[in-house]
Amino acid sequence: MSVEAQESADWNATSVFPDLNAASTFMQRGAVGFSPSRVAGAFQGLELRTHNWQVTPLNVEAVHSSFFMNKRIFPEGSVKFDGAMLMRDIPHEWHSTPGLRS
């Protein structure tokens, strides 16, 4: 993945989230992610825990993701970039979580 962006004072007006606070709250409540493991159909879980949560909006000029641009997984028009936030100098911890199987 690569992103070209600059900090901004404004939230992306075309986002599905009405404002930065709504997007931030959504991400904070869902701070668990999953990645494919070496075993087919299995995903490893990782949780972000922060000691405080503070984000700023980003104005994204360009974004590229080989995963989301894979048309075998995501047919043309099935995914669209929404917006981005930046966290900086936030004390945090990463914790493993139970994995998933498809």
PDB file of N, CA and C in Angstrom:
ATOM      1  N   MET A   1       0.837  -1.157   0.000  1.00  0.00           N
ATOM      2  CA  MET A   1       0.000   0.000   0.000  1.00  0.00           C
ATOM      3  C   MET A   1       0.885   1.223   0.000  1.00  0.00           C
ATOM      4  N   SER A   2       0.471   2.236  -0.743  1.00  0.00           N
ATOM      5  CA  SER A   2       1.151   3.529  -0.708  1.00  0.00           C
ATOM      6  C   SER A   2       0.101   4.634  -0.692  1.00  0.00           C
ATOM      7  N   VAL A   3       0.434   5.698   0.020  1.00  0.00           N
ATOM      8  CA  VAL A   3      -0.483   6.826   0.159  1.00  0.00           C
ATOM      9  C   VAL A   3       0.320   8.114   0.054  1.00  0.00           C
ATOM     10  N   GLU A   4      -0.188   9.051  -0.725  1.00  0.00           N
ATOM     11  CA  GLU A   4       0.360  10.401  -0.761  1.00  0.00           C
ATOM     12  C   GLU A   4      -0.697  11.303  -0.146  1.00  0.00           C
ATOM     13  N   ALA A   5      -0.350  11.952   0.973  1.00  0.00           N
ATOM     14  CA  ALA A   5      -1.339  12.758   1.681  1.00  0.00           C
ATOM     15  C   ALA A   5      -0.661  13.873   2.455  1.00  0.00           C
ATOM     16  N   GLN A   6      -1.478  14.852   2.814  1.00  0.00           N
ATOM     17  CA  GLN A   6      -1.025  15.948   3.660  1.00  0.00           C
ATOM     18  C   GLN A   6      -2.071  16.182   4.738  1.00  0.00           C
ATOM     19  N   GLU A   7      -1.605  16.608   5.906  1.00  0.00           N
ATOM     20  CA  GLU A   7      -2.559  16.929   6.967  1.00  0.00           C
ATOM     21  C   GLU A   7      -3.485  18.044   6.499  1.00  0.00           C
ATOM     22  N   SER A   8      -4.708  17.986   6.989  1.00  0.00           N
ATOM     23  CA  SER A   8      -5.719  18.934   6.566  1.00  0.00           C
ATOM     24  C   SER A   8      -6.533  19.388   7.772  1.00  0.00           C
ATOM     25  N   ALA A   9      -7.182  20.505   7.655  1.00  0.00           N
ATOM     26  CA  ALA A   9      -8.093  20.965   8.707  1.00  0.00           C
ATOM     27  C   ALA A   9      -9.502  20.446   8.456  1.00  0.00           C
ATOM     28  N   ASP A  10      -9.751  19.945   7.240  1.00  0.00           N
ATOM     29  CA  ASP A  10     -11.096  19.554   6.839  1.00  0.00           C
ATOM     30  C   ASP A  10     -11.210  18.060   6.585  1.00  0.00           C
ATOM     31  N   TRP A  11     -12.367  17.502   6.936  1.00  0.00           N
ATOM     32  CA  TRP A  11     -12.681  16.102   6.662  1.00  0.00           C
ATOM     33  C   TRP A  11     -13.135  15.971   5.204  1.00  0.00           C
ATOM     34  N   ASN A  12     -12.910  14.803   4.616  1.00  0.00           N
ATOM     35  CA  ASN A  12     -13.296  14.512   3.241  1.00  0.00           C
ATOM     36  C   ASN A  12     -14.823  14.620   3.089  1.00  0.00           C
ATOM     37  N   ALA A  13     -15.288  15.575   2.324  1.00  0.00           N
ATOM     38  CA  ALA A  13     -16.733  15.829   2.180  1.00  0.00           C
ATOM     39  C   ALA A  13     -17.469  14.691   1.480  1.00  0.00           C
ATOM     40  N   THR A  14     -16.761  13.819   0.750  1.00  0.00           N
ATOM     41  CA  THR A  14     -17.420  12.713   0.047  1.00  0.00           C
ATOM     42  C   THR A  14     -17.417  11.424   0.859  1.00  0.00           C
ATOM     43  N   SER A  15     -16.918  11.457   2.080  1.00  0.00           N
ATOM     44  CA  SER A  15     -16.853  10.276   2.942  1.00  0.00           C
ATOM     45  C   SER A  15     -18.252   9.793   3.331  1.00  0.00           C
ATOM     46  N   VAL A  16     -18.357   8.517   3.646  1.00  0.00           N
ATOM     47  CA  VAL A  16     -19.615   7.986   4.176  1.00  0.00           C
ATOM     48  C   VAL A  16     -19.847   8.471   5.606  1.00  0.00           C
ATOM     49  N   PHE A  17     -18.797   8.963   6.257  1.00  0.00           N
ATOM     50  CA  PHE A  17     -18.909   9.513   7.603  1.00  0.00           C
ATOM     51  C   PHE A  17     -19.177  11.010   7.504  1.00  0.00           C
ATOM     52  N   PRO A  18     -20.115  11.526   8.287  1.00  0.00           N
ATOM     53  CA  PRO A  18     -20.455  12.940   8.171  1.00  0.00           C
ATOM     54  C   PRO A  18     -19.357  13.897   8.628  1.00  0.00           C
ATOM     55  N   ASP A  19     -18.481  13.422   9.519  1.00  0.00           N
ATOM     56  CA  ASP A  19     -17.412  14.285  10.011  1.00  0.00           C
ATOM     57  C   ASP A  19     -16.290  13.434  10.597  1.00  0.00           C
ATOM     58  N   LEU A  20     -15.209  14.110  10.954  1.00  0.00           N
ATOM     59  CA  LEU A  20     -14.036  13.441  11.515  1.00  0.00           C
ATOM     60  C   LEU A  20     -14.375  12.686  12.786  1.00  0.00           C
ATOM     61  N   ASN A  21     -15.191  13.265  13.650  1.00  0.00           N
ATOM     62  CA  ASN A  21     -15.542  12.619  14.903  1.00  0.00           C
ATOM     63  C   ASN A  21     -16.245  11.278  14.673  1.00  0.00           C
ATOM     64  N   ALA A  22     -17.171  11.229  13.736  1.00  0.00           N
ATOM     65  CA  ALA A  22     -17.886   9.980  13.439  1.00  0.00           C
ATOM     66  C   ALA A  22     -16.930   8.924  12.898  1.00  0.00           C
ATOM     67  N   ALA A  23     -16.038   9.308  12.005  1.00  0.00           N
ATOM     68  CA  ALA A  23     -15.063   8.364  11.454  1.00  0.00           C
ATOM     69  C   ALA A  23     -14.109   7.877  12.541  1.00  0.00           C
ATOM     70  N   SER A  24     -13.657   8.791  13.379  1.00  0.00           N
ATOM     71  CA  SER A  24     -12.742   8.448  14.460  1.00  0.00           C
ATOM     72  C   SER A  24     -13.390   7.483  15.445  1.00  0.00           C
ATOM     73  N   THR A  25     -14.628   7.748  15.833  1.00  0.00           N
ATOM     74  CA  THR A  25     -15.346   6.881  16.769  1.00  0.00           C
ATOM     75  C   THR A  25     -15.520   5.486  16.183  1.00  0.00           C
ATOM     76  N   PHE A  26     -15.874   5.398  14.913  1.00  0.00           N
ATOM     77  CA  PHE A  26     -16.021   4.103  14.246  1.00  0.00           C
ATOM     78  C   PHE A  26     -14.712   3.317  14.301  1.00  0.00           C
ATOM     79  N   MET A  27     -13.604   3.962  13.972  1.00  0.00           N
ATOM     80  CA  MET A  27     -12.309   3.274  13.974  1.00  0.00           C
ATOM     81  C   MET A  27     -11.875   2.888  15.385  1.00  0.00           C
ATOM     82  N   GLN A  28     -12.132   3.744  16.345  1.00  0.00           N
ATOM     83  CA  GLN A  28     -11.743   3.452  17.723  1.00  0.00           C
ATOM     84  C   GLN A  28     -12.490   2.235  18.250  1.00  0.00           C
ATOM     85  N   ARG A  29     -13.750   2.122  17.918  1.00  0.00           N
ATOM     86  CA  ARG A  29     -14.552   0.988  18.389  1.00  0.00           C
ATOM     87  C   ARG A  29     -14.235  -0.305  17.643  1.00  0.00           C
ATOM     88  N   GLY A  30     -13.601  -0.191  16.504  1.00  0.00           N
ATOM     89  CA  GLY A  30     -13.265  -1.380  15.719  1.00  0.00           C
ATOM     90  C   GLY A  30     -11.773  -1.498  15.499  1.00  0.00           C
ATOM     91  N   ALA A  31     -10.991  -1.342  16.549  1.00  0.00           N
ATOM     92  CA  ALA A  31      -9.537  -1.309  16.431  1.00  0.00           C
ATOM     93  C   ALA A  31      -8.918  -2.708  16.387  1.00  0.00           C
ATOM     94  N   VAL A  32      -9.629  -3.652  15.750  1.00  0.00           N
ATOM     95  CA  VAL A  32      -9.114  -5.014  15.551  1.00  0.00           C
ATOM     96  C   VAL A  32      -9.053  -5.258  14.051  1.00  0.00           C
ATOM     97  N   GLY A  33      -7.953  -5.794  13.594  1.00  0.00           N
ATOM     98  CA  GLY A  33      -7.799  -6.103  12.174  1.00  0.00           C
ATOM     99  C   GLY A  33      -7.358  -7.536  11.988  1.00  0.00           C
ATOM    100  N   PHE A  34      -7.576  -8.054  10.789  1.00  0.00           N
ATOM    101  CA  PHE A  34      -7.212  -9.432  10.471  1.00  0.00           C
ATOM    102  C   PHE A  34      -6.413  -9.463   9.180  1.00  0.00           C
ATOM    103  N   SER A  35      -5.407 -10.320   9.157  1.00  0.00           N
ATOM    104  CA  SER A  35      -4.560 -10.501   7.985  1.00  0.00           C
ATOM    105  C   SER A  35      -4.503 -11.977   7.634  1.00  0.00           C
ATOM    106  N   PRO A  36      -4.395 -12.286   6.334  1.00  0.00           N
ATOM    107  CA  PRO A  36      -4.269 -13.692   5.947  1.00  0.00           C
ATOM    108  C   PRO A  36      -3.043 -14.327   6.599  1.00  0.00           C
ATOM    109  N   SER A  37      -3.189 -15.560   7.045  1.00  0.00           N
ATOM    110  CA  SER A  37      -2.059 -16.283   7.625  1.00  0.00           C
ATOM    111  C   SER A  37      -1.464 -17.190   6.541  1.00  0.00           C
ATOM    112  N   ARG A  38      -0.506 -17.982   6.918  1.00  0.00           N
ATOM    113  CA  ARG A  38       0.113 -18.914   5.967  1.00  0.00           C
ATOM    114  C   ARG A  38      -0.789 -20.097   5.658  1.00  0.00           C
ATOM    115  N   VAL A  39      -1.837 -20.269   6.472  1.00  0.00           N
ATOM    116  CA  VAL A  39      -2.784 -21.364   6.277  1.00  0.00           C
ATOM    117  C   VAL A  39      -3.967 -20.832   5.466  1.00  0.00           C
ATOM    118  N   ALA A  40      -4.276 -21.488   4.360  1.00  0.00           N
ATOM    119  CA  ALA A  40      -5.377 -21.031   3.507  1.00  0.00           C
ATOM    120  C   ALA A  40      -6.674 -20.949   4.311  1.00  0.00           C
ATOM    121  N   GLY A  41      -7.390 -19.845   4.156  1.00  0.00           N
ATOM    122  CA  GLY A  41      -8.667 -19.668   4.832  1.00  0.00           C
ATOM    123  C   GLY A  41      -8.567 -19.249   6.288  1.00  0.00           C
ATOM    124  N   ALA A  42      -7.357 -19.015   6.787  1.00  0.00           N
ATOM    125  CA  ALA A  42      -7.163 -18.609   8.184  1.00  0.00           C
ATOM    126  C   ALA A  42      -6.630 -17.175   8.230  1.00  0.00           C
ATOM    127  N   PHE A  43      -7.062 -16.432   9.241  1.00  0.00           N
ATOM    128  CA  PHE A  43      -6.659 -15.036   9.388  1.00  0.00           C
ATOM    129  C   PHE A  43      -6.186 -14.792  10.816  1.00  0.00           C
ATOM    130  N   GLN A  44      -5.090 -14.059  10.946  1.00  0.00           N
ATOM    131  CA  GLN A  44      -4.543 -13.705  12.249  1.00  0.00           C
ATOM    132  C   GLN A  44      -5.127 -12.370  12.696  1.00  0.00           C
ATOM    133  N   GLY A  45      -5.452 -12.263  13.990  1.00  0.00           N
ATOM    134  CA  GLY A  45      -6.045 -11.044  14.527  1.00  0.00           C
ATOM    135  C   GLY A  45      -5.043 -10.210  15.295  1.00  0.00           C
ATOM    136  N   LEU A  46      -5.216  -8.880  15.221  1.00  0.00           N
ATOM    137  CA  LEU A  46      -4.352  -7.943  15.920  1.00  0.00           C
ATOM    138  C   LEU A  46      -5.205  -6.767  16.392  1.00  0.00           C
ATOM    139  N   GLU A  47      -5.055  -6.404  17.678  1.00  0.00           N
ATOM    140  CA  GLU A  47      -5.834  -5.308  18.244  1.00  0.00           C
ATOM    141  C   GLU A  47      -4.925  -4.156  18.638  1.00  0.00           C
ATOM    142  N   LEU A  48      -5.332  -2.950  18.269  1.00  0.00           N
ATOM    143  CA  LEU A  48      -4.629  -1.739  18.662  1.00  0.00           C
ATOM    144  C   LEU A  48      -5.285  -1.186  19.921  1.00  0.00           C
ATOM    145  N   ARG A  49      -4.480  -1.011  20.964  1.00  0.00           N
ATOM    146  CA  ARG A  49      -4.968  -0.379  22.195  1.00  0.00           C
ATOM    147  C   ARG A  49      -4.167   0.896  22.410  1.00  0.00           C
ATOM    148  N   THR A  50      -4.879   1.992  22.563  1.00  0.00           N
ATOM    149  CA  THR A  50      -4.217   3.275  22.773  1.00  0.00           C
ATOM    150  C   THR A  50      -4.512   3.773  24.174  1.00  0.00           C
ATOM    151  N   HIS A  51      -3.611   4.588  24.677  1.00  0.00           N
ATOM    152  CA  HIS A  51      -3.797   5.174  25.998  1.00  0.00           C
ATOM    153  C   HIS A  51      -4.576   6.487  25.896  1.00  0.00           C
ATOM    154  N   ASN A  52      -4.615   7.045  24.734  1.00  0.00           N
ATOM    155  CA  ASN A  52      -5.522   8.138  24.377  1.00  0.00           C
ATOM    156  C   ASN A  52      -5.723   8.033  22.867  1.00  0.00           C
ATOM    157  N   TRP A  53      -6.743   8.657  22.366  1.00  0.00           N
ATOM    158  CA  TRP A  53      -7.094   8.517  20.950  1.00  0.00           C
ATOM    159  C   TRP A  53      -7.252   9.917  20.381  1.00  0.00           C
ATOM    160  N   GLN A  54      -6.394  10.245  19.435  1.00  0.00           N
ATOM    161  CA  GLN A  54      -6.444  11.566  18.832  1.00  0.00           C
ATOM    162  C   GLN A  54      -6.044  11.439  17.368  1.00  0.00           C
ATOM    163  N   VAL A  55      -6.891  11.934  16.481  1.00  0.00           N
ATOM    164  CA  VAL A  55      -6.620  11.848  15.048  1.00  0.00           C
ATOM    165  C   VAL A  55      -6.773  13.223  14.398  1.00  0.00           C
ATOM    166  N   THR A  56      -6.115  13.388  13.260  1.00  0.00           N
ATOM    167  CA  THR A  56      -6.303  14.560  12.417  1.00  0.00           C
ATOM    168  C   THR A  56      -6.649  14.073  11.018  1.00  0.00           C
ATOM    169  N   PRO A  57      -7.436  14.841  10.270  1.00  0.00           N
ATOM    170  CA  PRO A  57      -7.794  14.413   8.920  1.00  0.00           C
ATOM    171  C   PRO A  57      -6.617  14.565   7.956  1.00  0.00           C
ATOM    172  N   LEU A  58      -6.632  13.733   6.936  1.00  0.00           N
ATOM    173  CA  LEU A  58      -5.645  13.815   5.867  1.00  0.00           C
ATOM    174  C   LEU A  58      -6.342  14.112   4.551  1.00  0.00           C
ATOM    175  N   ASN A  59      -5.715  14.929   3.737  1.00  0.00           N
ATOM    176  CA  ASN A  59      -6.154  15.154   2.369  1.00  0.00           C
ATOM    177  C   ASN A  59      -5.328  14.205   1.507  1.00  0.00           C
ATOM    178  N   VAL A  60      -5.953  13.156   1.009  1.00  0.00           N
ATOM    179  CA  VAL A  60      -5.239  12.128   0.249  1.00  0.00           C
ATOM    180  C   VAL A  60      -5.219  12.511  -1.222  1.00  0.00           C
ATOM    181  N   GLU A  61      -4.009  12.581  -1.760  1.00  0.00           N
ATOM    182  CA  GLU A  61      -3.825  12.939  -3.169  1.00  0.00           C
ATOM    183  C   GLU A  61      -3.753  11.706  -4.049  1.00  0.00           C
ATOM    184  N   ALA A  62      -3.208  10.614  -3.516  1.00  0.00           N
ATOM    185  CA  ALA A  62      -3.107   9.370  -4.280  1.00  0.00           C
ATOM    186  C   ALA A  62      -3.055   8.207  -3.302  1.00  0.00           C
ATOM    187  N   VAL A  63      -3.683   7.096  -3.678  1.00  0.00           N
ATOM    188  CA  VAL A  63      -3.655   5.887  -2.855  1.00  0.00           C
ATOM    189  C   VAL A  63      -3.578   4.683  -3.780  1.00  0.00           C
ATOM    190  N   HIS A  64      -2.760   3.706  -3.381  1.00  0.00           N
ATOM    191  CA  HIS A  64      -2.636   2.468  -4.157  1.00  0.00           C
ATOM    192  C   HIS A  64      -2.586   1.298  -3.179  1.00  0.00           C
ATOM    193  N   SER A  65      -3.400   0.286  -3.433  1.00  0.00           N
ATOM    194  CA  SER A  65      -3.403  -0.925  -2.623  1.00  0.00           C
ATOM    195  C   SER A  65      -3.492  -2.123  -3.560  1.00  0.00           C
ATOM    196  N   SER A  66      -2.450  -2.930  -3.598  1.00  0.00           N
ATOM    197  CA  SER A  66      -2.478  -4.106  -4.473  1.00  0.00           C
ATOM    198  C   SER A  66      -3.583  -5.068  -4.055  1.00  0.00           C
ATOM    199  N   PHE A  67      -3.925  -5.103  -2.778  1.00  0.00           N
ATOM    200  CA  PHE A  67      -4.991  -5.984  -2.307  1.00  0.00           C
ATOM    201  C   PHE A  67      -6.340  -5.520  -2.839  1.00  0.00           C
ATOM    202  N   PHE A  68      -6.691  -4.259  -2.595  1.00  0.00           N
ATOM    203  CA  PHE A  68      -8.002  -3.761  -3.005  1.00  0.00           C
ATOM    204  C   PHE A  68      -8.107  -3.528  -4.505  1.00  0.00           C
ATOM    205  N   MET A  69      -6.987  -3.472  -5.207  1.00  0.00           N
ATOM    206  CA  MET A  69      -7.020  -3.310  -6.661  1.00  0.00           C
ATOM    207  C   MET A  69      -7.027  -4.658  -7.387  1.00  0.00           C
ATOM    208  N   ASN A  70      -7.038  -5.755  -6.629  1.00  0.00           N
ATOM    209  CA  ASN A  70      -7.089  -7.091  -7.216  1.00  0.00           C
ATOM    210  C   ASN A  70      -8.519  -7.360  -7.689  1.00  0.00           C
ATOM    211  N   LYS A  71      -8.724  -7.318  -9.002  1.00  0.00           N
ATOM    212  CA  LYS A  71     -10.067  -7.437  -9.567  1.00  0.00           C
ATOM    213  C   LYS A  71     -10.654  -8.851  -9.441  1.00  0.00           C
ATOM    214  N   ARG A  72      -9.831  -9.849  -9.148  1.00  0.00           N
ATOM    215  CA  ARG A  72     -10.371 -11.193  -8.891  1.00  0.00           C
ATOM    216  C   ARG A  72     -11.089 -11.235  -7.550  1.00  0.00           C
ATOM    217  N   ILE A  73     -10.616 -10.434  -6.602  1.00  0.00           N
ATOM    218  CA  ILE A  73     -11.235 -10.367  -5.276  1.00  0.00           C
ATOM    219  C   ILE A  73     -12.320  -9.296  -5.247  1.00  0.00           C
ATOM    220  N   PHE A  74     -12.015  -8.138  -5.830  1.00  0.00           N
ATOM    221  CA  PHE A  74     -12.920  -6.988  -5.807  1.00  0.00           C
ATOM    222  C   PHE A  74     -13.214  -6.558  -7.240  1.00  0.00           C
ATOM    223  N   PRO A  75     -14.349  -6.962  -7.786  1.00  0.00           N
ATOM    224  CA  PRO A  75     -14.684  -6.560  -9.157  1.00  0.00           C
ATOM    225  C   PRO A  75     -14.696  -5.036  -9.315  1.00  0.00           C
ATOM    226  N   GLU A  76     -14.473  -4.582 -10.532  1.00  0.00           N
ATOM    227  CA  GLU A  76     -14.459  -3.149 -10.843  1.00  0.00           C
ATOM    228  C   GLU A  76     -15.654  -2.440 -10.210  1.00  0.00           C
ATOM    229  N   GLY A  77     -15.380  -1.355  -9.476  1.00  0.00           N
ATOM    230  CA  GLY A  77     -16.431  -0.555  -8.867  1.00  0.00           C
ATOM    231  C   GLY A  77     -16.954  -1.071  -7.540  1.00  0.00           C
ATOM    232  N   SER A  78     -16.423  -2.185  -7.024  1.00  0.00           N
ATOM    233  CA  SER A  78     -16.958  -2.751  -5.783  1.00  0.00           C
ATOM    234  C   SER A  78     -16.332  -2.152  -4.520  1.00  0.00           C
ATOM    235  N   VAL A  79     -15.189  -1.485  -4.641  1.00  0.00           N
ATOM    236  CA  VAL A  79     -14.574  -0.805  -3.499  1.00  0.00           C
ATOM    237  C   VAL A  79     -14.186   0.610  -3.906  1.00  0.00           C
ATOM    238  N   LYS A  80     -14.228   1.507  -2.926  1.00  0.00           N
ATOM    239  CA  LYS A  80     -13.861   2.898  -3.181  1.00  0.00           C
ATOM    240  C   LYS A  80     -13.165   3.445  -1.942  1.00  0.00           C
ATOM    241  N   PHE A  81     -12.070   4.135  -2.133  1.00  0.00           N
ATOM    242  CA  PHE A  81     -11.364   4.772  -1.026  1.00  0.00           C
ATOM    243  C   PHE A  81     -12.267   5.829  -0.409  1.00  0.00           C
ATOM    244  N   ASP A  82     -12.307   5.882   0.929  1.00  0.00           N
ATOM    245  CA  ASP A  82     -13.210   6.804   1.620  1.00  0.00           C
ATOM    246  C   ASP A  82     -12.488   8.006   2.201  1.00  0.00           C
ATOM    247  N   GLY A  83     -11.492   7.784   3.012  1.00  0.00           N
ATOM    248  CA  GLY A  83     -10.816   8.891   3.670  1.00  0.00           C
ATOM    249  C   GLY A  83      -9.708   8.364   4.568  1.00  0.00           C
ATOM    250  N   ALA A  84      -8.947   9.281   5.145  1.00  0.00           N
ATOM    251  CA  ALA A  84      -7.818   8.871   5.978  1.00  0.00           C
ATOM    252  C   ALA A  84      -7.646   9.822   7.153  1.00  0.00           C
ATOM    253  N   MET A  85      -7.131   9.252   8.230  1.00  0.00           N
ATOM    254  CA  MET A  85      -6.826  10.003   9.439  1.00  0.00           C
ATOM    255  C   MET A  85      -5.401   9.661   9.854  1.00  0.00           C
ATOM    256  N   LEU A  86      -4.792  10.554  10.574  1.00  0.00           N
ATOM    257  CA  LEU A  86      -3.427  10.366  11.050  1.00  0.00           C
ATOM    258  C   LEU A  86      -3.400  10.383  12.565  1.00  0.00           C
ATOM    259  N   MET A  87      -2.710   9.394  13.145  1.00  0.00           N
ATOM    260  CA  MET A  87      -2.426   9.386  14.579  1.00  0.00           C
ATOM    261  C   MET A  87      -0.919   9.580  14.724  1.00  0.00           C
ATOM    262  N   ARG A  88      -0.539  10.456  15.633  1.00  0.00           N
ATOM    263  CA  ARG A  88       0.887  10.742  15.800  1.00  0.00           C
ATOM    264  C   ARG A  88       1.208  10.854  17.278  1.00  0.00           C
ATOM    265  N   ASP A  89       2.336  10.234  17.692  1.00  0.00           N
ATOM    266  CA  ASP A  89       2.826  10.316  19.072  1.00  0.00           C
ATOM    267  C   ASP A  89       1.784   9.866  20.092  1.00  0.00           C
ATOM    268  N   ILE A  90       1.090   8.768  19.792  1.00  0.00           N
ATOM    269  CA  ILE A  90       0.075   8.217  20.683  1.00  0.00           C
ATOM    270  C   ILE A  90       0.650   6.967  21.352  1.00  0.00           C
ATOM    271  N   PRO A  91       0.797   6.943  22.678  1.00  0.00           N
ATOM    272  CA  PRO A  91       1.228   5.705  23.341  1.00  0.00           C
ATOM    273  C   PRO A  91       0.222   4.591  23.020  1.00  0.00           C
ATOM    274  N   HIS A  92       0.735   3.435  22.643  1.00  0.00           N
ATOM    275  CA  HIS A  92      -0.154   2.352  22.225  1.00  0.00           C
ATOM    276  C   HIS A  92       0.487   0.990  22.459  1.00  0.00           C
ATOM    277  N   GLU A  93      -0.342  -0.031  22.345  1.00  0.00           N
ATOM    278  CA  GLU A  93       0.103  -1.431  22.454  1.00  0.00           C
ATOM    279  C   GLU A  93      -0.616  -2.237  21.383  1.00  0.00           C
ATOM    280  N   TRP A  94       0.058  -3.255  20.861  1.00  0.00           N
ATOM    281  CA  TRP A  94      -0.553  -4.202  19.931  1.00  0.00           C
ATOM    282  C   TRP A  94      -0.762  -5.512  20.680  1.00  0.00           C
ATOM    283  N   HIS A  95      -1.946  -6.108  20.544  1.00  0.00           N
ATOM    284  CA  HIS A  95      -2.275  -7.368  21.203  1.00  0.00           C
ATOM    285  C   HIS A  95      -2.834  -8.358  20.184  1.00  0.00           C
ATOM    286  N   SER A  96      -2.376  -9.598  20.281  1.00  0.00           N
ATOM    287  CA  SER A  96      -2.948 -10.602  19.387  1.00  0.00           C
ATOM    288  C   SER A  96      -4.358 -10.936  19.873  1.00  0.00           C
ATOM    289  N   THR A  97      -5.206 -11.284  18.935  1.00  0.00           N
ATOM    290  CA  THR A  97      -6.582 -11.657  19.228  1.00  0.00           C
ATOM    291  C   THR A  97      -6.842 -13.000  18.563  1.00  0.00           C
ATOM    292  N   PRO A  98      -7.889 -13.703  18.969  1.00  0.00           N
ATOM    293  CA  PRO A  98      -8.179 -14.969  18.317  1.00  0.00           C
ATOM    294  C   PRO A  98      -8.373 -14.782  16.808  1.00  0.00           C
ATOM    295  N   GLY A  99      -7.850 -15.710  16.048  1.00  0.00           N
ATOM    296  CA  GLY A  99      -7.949 -15.626  14.601  1.00  0.00           C
ATOM    297  C   GLY A  99      -9.328 -16.045  14.093  1.00  0.00           C
ATOM    298  N   LEU A 100      -9.484 -15.968  12.794  1.00  0.00           N
ATOM    299  CA  LEU A 100     -10.709 -16.357  12.128  1.00  0.00           C
ATOM    300  C   LEU A 100     -10.412 -17.403  11.072  1.00  0.00           C
ATOM    301  N   ARG A 101     -11.406 -18.205  10.761  1.00  0.00           N
ATOM    302  CA  ARG A 101     -11.299 -19.150   9.644  1.00  0.00           C
ATOM    303  C   ARG A 101     -12.498 -18.945   8.746  1.00  0.00           C
ATOM    304  N   SER A 102     -12.251 -18.997   7.446  1.00  0.00           N
ATOM    305  CA  SER A 102     -13.369 -18.835   6.514  1.00  0.00           C
ATOM    306  C   SER A 102     -13.852 -20.181   6.034  1.00  0.00           C
TER     307      SER A 102
END
